[in-house]
Amino acid sequence: LFRSDLMEATKPADARFTFPSSKPNIEIDFIFAAPKQAWKLNRSHVVDDPVTSDHRPFIAELEYTE
């Protein structure tokens, strides 16, 4: 439902899994923005840190274009 109406900040294909932080094999972290057409994803990455949290943080730089 979210993907049809909101802009999703996508993760790099080789780093989309974020849980558990020690050996990620599940994608649990997402960023959405609305309205969909007003946002552009400039870059994103998953922080390679197995210690700080139980999942790896997902960071995205979004640009408001309207």
N, C-alpha and C. Protein backbone atom coordinates (compact mmCIF):
# COMPACT_ATOMS: atom_id res chain seq x y z
N LEU A 1 0.81 -1.21 0.00
CA LEU A 1 0.00 0.00 0.00
C LEU A 1 0.85 1.26 0.00
N PHE A 2 1.91 1.28 0.80
CA PHE A 2 2.76 2.47 0.85
C PHE A 2 3.39 2.78 -0.51
N ARG A 3 3.90 1.76 -1.16
CA ARG A 3 4.63 1.96 -2.42
C ARG A 3 3.77 2.55 -3.53
N SER A 4 2.47 2.35 -3.49
CA SER A 4 1.61 2.89 -4.55
C SER A 4 1.40 4.40 -4.41
N ASP A 5 1.46 4.93 -3.20
CA ASP A 5 1.17 6.35 -2.98
C ASP A 5 2.36 7.18 -2.47
N LEU A 6 3.40 6.52 -2.00
CA LEU A 6 4.53 7.23 -1.40
C LEU A 6 5.82 6.91 -2.14
N MET A 7 6.78 7.83 -2.06
CA MET A 7 8.09 7.59 -2.65
C MET A 7 8.89 6.78 -1.64
N GLU A 8 9.47 5.67 -2.11
CA GLU A 8 10.29 4.85 -1.24
C GLU A 8 11.76 5.11 -1.53
N ALA A 9 12.50 5.41 -0.48
CA ALA A 9 13.95 5.53 -0.61
C ALA A 9 14.50 4.10 -0.62
N THR A 10 15.02 3.70 -1.75
CA THR A 10 15.49 2.33 -1.89
C THR A 10 16.92 2.19 -1.40
N LYS A 11 17.23 1.01 -0.94
CA LYS A 11 18.59 0.69 -0.49
C LYS A 11 19.40 0.18 -1.67
N PRO A 12 20.73 0.25 -1.58
CA PRO A 12 21.55 -0.36 -2.62
C PRO A 12 21.23 -1.86 -2.70
N ALA A 13 21.20 -2.41 -3.90
CA ALA A 13 20.81 -3.81 -4.10
C ALA A 13 21.67 -4.78 -3.29
N ASP A 14 22.92 -4.45 -3.09
CA ASP A 14 23.81 -5.36 -2.37
C ASP A 14 23.79 -5.14 -0.85
N ALA A 15 22.91 -4.26 -0.36
CA ALA A 15 22.87 -3.99 1.09
C ALA A 15 21.44 -3.74 1.57
N ARG A 16 20.47 -4.42 1.01
CA ARG A 16 19.09 -4.13 1.40
C ARG A 16 18.66 -4.79 2.70
N PHE A 17 19.39 -5.80 3.16
CA PHE A 17 19.04 -6.46 4.42
C PHE A 17 19.66 -5.71 5.60
N THR A 18 18.88 -5.57 6.68
CA THR A 18 19.33 -4.77 7.82
C THR A 18 19.21 -5.46 9.16
N PHE A 19 18.66 -6.67 9.18
CA PHE A 19 18.45 -7.36 10.46
C PHE A 19 18.76 -8.84 10.31
N PRO A 20 19.40 -9.42 11.33
CA PRO A 20 20.06 -8.82 12.48
C PRO A 20 21.36 -8.15 12.08
N SER A 21 21.86 -7.30 12.93
CA SER A 21 23.04 -6.51 12.56
C SER A 21 24.28 -7.36 12.36
N SER A 22 24.38 -8.47 13.05
CA SER A 22 25.57 -9.31 12.94
C SER A 22 25.68 -10.00 11.57
N LYS A 23 24.58 -10.50 11.06
CA LYS A 23 24.54 -11.14 9.73
C LYS A 23 23.18 -10.87 9.12
N PRO A 24 23.00 -9.69 8.55
CA PRO A 24 21.67 -9.31 8.05
C PRO A 24 21.17 -10.25 6.95
N ASN A 25 19.90 -10.68 7.11
CA ASN A 25 19.26 -11.50 6.09
C ASN A 25 17.77 -11.19 5.94
N ILE A 26 17.33 -10.11 6.63
CA ILE A 26 15.94 -9.66 6.56
C ILE A 26 15.93 -8.16 6.33
N GLU A 27 15.03 -7.71 5.47
CA GLU A 27 14.88 -6.26 5.23
C GLU A 27 13.75 -5.73 6.11
N ILE A 28 14.11 -4.93 7.13
CA ILE A 28 13.08 -4.41 8.04
C ILE A 28 13.01 -2.88 8.10
N ASP A 29 13.98 -2.18 7.56
CA ASP A 29 14.02 -0.72 7.69
C ASP A 29 13.65 -0.06 6.36
N PHE A 30 12.70 0.88 6.41
CA PHE A 30 12.21 1.53 5.21
C PHE A 30 12.04 3.03 5.47
N ILE A 31 12.17 3.82 4.41
CA ILE A 31 11.91 5.26 4.48
C ILE A 31 10.96 5.59 3.33
N PHE A 32 9.85 6.25 3.67
CA PHE A 32 8.87 6.68 2.67
C PHE A 32 8.65 8.18 2.82
N ALA A 33 8.33 8.85 1.71
CA ALA A 33 8.06 10.29 1.72
C ALA A 33 6.82 10.58 0.88
N ALA A 34 6.09 11.63 1.27
CA ALA A 34 4.89 12.03 0.55
C ALA A 34 4.89 13.54 0.38
N PRO A 35 4.29 14.00 -0.70
CA PRO A 35 3.72 13.25 -1.80
C PRO A 35 4.82 12.64 -2.69
N LYS A 36 4.50 11.54 -3.30
CA LYS A 36 5.46 10.74 -4.07
C LYS A 36 6.22 11.56 -5.10
N GLN A 37 5.53 12.38 -5.85
CA GLN A 37 6.15 13.12 -6.96
C GLN A 37 7.01 14.30 -6.50
N ALA A 38 6.96 14.64 -5.21
CA ALA A 38 7.69 15.81 -4.72
C ALA A 38 9.10 15.49 -4.22
N TRP A 39 9.49 14.21 -4.26
CA TRP A 39 10.76 13.82 -3.67
C TRP A 39 11.64 13.09 -4.65
N LYS A 40 12.94 13.30 -4.51
CA LYS A 40 13.95 12.62 -5.32
C LYS A 40 14.98 12.02 -4.36
N LEU A 41 15.34 10.78 -4.61
CA LEU A 41 16.37 10.12 -3.82
C LEU A 41 17.73 10.45 -4.41
N ASN A 42 18.58 11.12 -3.65
CA ASN A 42 19.92 11.45 -4.12
C ASN A 42 20.92 10.33 -3.83
N ARG A 43 20.85 9.77 -2.64
CA ARG A 43 21.73 8.66 -2.29
C ARG A 43 21.19 7.96 -1.05
N SER A 44 21.62 6.72 -0.89
CA SER A 44 21.24 5.97 0.30
C SER A 44 22.32 4.94 0.60
N HIS A 45 22.38 4.56 1.86
CA HIS A 45 23.28 3.48 2.23
C HIS A 45 22.87 2.87 3.57
N VAL A 46 23.30 1.65 3.76
CA VAL A 46 23.09 0.94 5.01
C VAL A 46 24.42 0.96 5.75
N VAL A 47 24.39 1.39 7.00
CA VAL A 47 25.61 1.51 7.79
C VAL A 47 26.08 0.12 8.20
N ASP A 48 27.31 -0.19 7.86
CA ASP A 48 27.91 -1.49 8.19
C ASP A 48 28.44 -1.45 9.61
N ASP A 49 27.52 -1.63 10.58
CA ASP A 49 27.87 -1.57 12.00
C ASP A 49 27.11 -2.67 12.74
N PRO A 50 27.75 -3.77 13.04
CA PRO A 50 27.06 -4.87 13.72
C PRO A 50 26.97 -4.73 15.24
N VAL A 51 27.48 -3.62 15.82
CA VAL A 51 27.57 -3.50 17.27
C VAL A 51 26.57 -2.52 17.88
N THR A 52 26.32 -1.39 17.25
CA THR A 52 25.55 -0.31 17.86
C THR A 52 24.09 -0.66 18.14
N SER A 53 23.48 -1.46 17.29
CA SER A 53 22.06 -1.76 17.41
C SER A 53 21.80 -3.19 16.99
N ASP A 54 20.56 -3.64 17.14
CA ASP A 54 20.20 -4.98 16.70
C ASP A 54 19.93 -5.03 15.20
N HIS A 55 19.89 -3.85 14.55
CA HIS A 55 19.76 -3.78 13.10
C HIS A 55 20.74 -2.72 12.58
N ARG A 56 20.96 -2.75 11.29
CA ARG A 56 21.88 -1.77 10.69
C ARG A 56 21.09 -0.56 10.21
N PRO A 57 21.50 0.63 10.62
CA PRO A 57 20.77 1.85 10.23
C PRO A 57 20.77 2.06 8.71
N PHE A 58 19.67 2.58 8.23
CA PHE A 58 19.48 2.91 6.82
C PHE A 58 19.41 4.42 6.72
N ILE A 59 20.29 5.02 5.92
CA ILE A 59 20.35 6.48 5.77
C ILE A 59 20.05 6.84 4.32
N ALA A 60 19.18 7.82 4.13
CA ALA A 60 18.83 8.26 2.79
C ALA A 60 18.85 9.78 2.73
N GLU A 61 19.38 10.32 1.63
CA GLU A 61 19.35 11.76 1.38
C GLU A 61 18.27 12.01 0.34
N LEU A 62 17.21 12.68 0.77
CA LEU A 62 16.08 13.00 -0.11
C LEU A 62 16.10 14.49 -0.44
N GLU A 63 15.66 14.81 -1.64
CA GLU A 63 15.58 16.21 -2.07
C GLU A 63 14.12 16.53 -2.40
N TYR A 64 13.64 17.60 -1.77
CA TYR A 64 12.27 18.07 -2.07
C TYR A 64 12.32 18.86 -3.36
N THR A 65 11.54 18.48 -4.34
CA THR A 65 11.66 19.06 -5.68
C THR A 65 10.50 19.99 -6.07
N GLU A 66 9.54 20.18 -5.22
CA GLU A 66 8.40 21.06 -5.59
C GLU A 66 8.49 22.41 -4.93
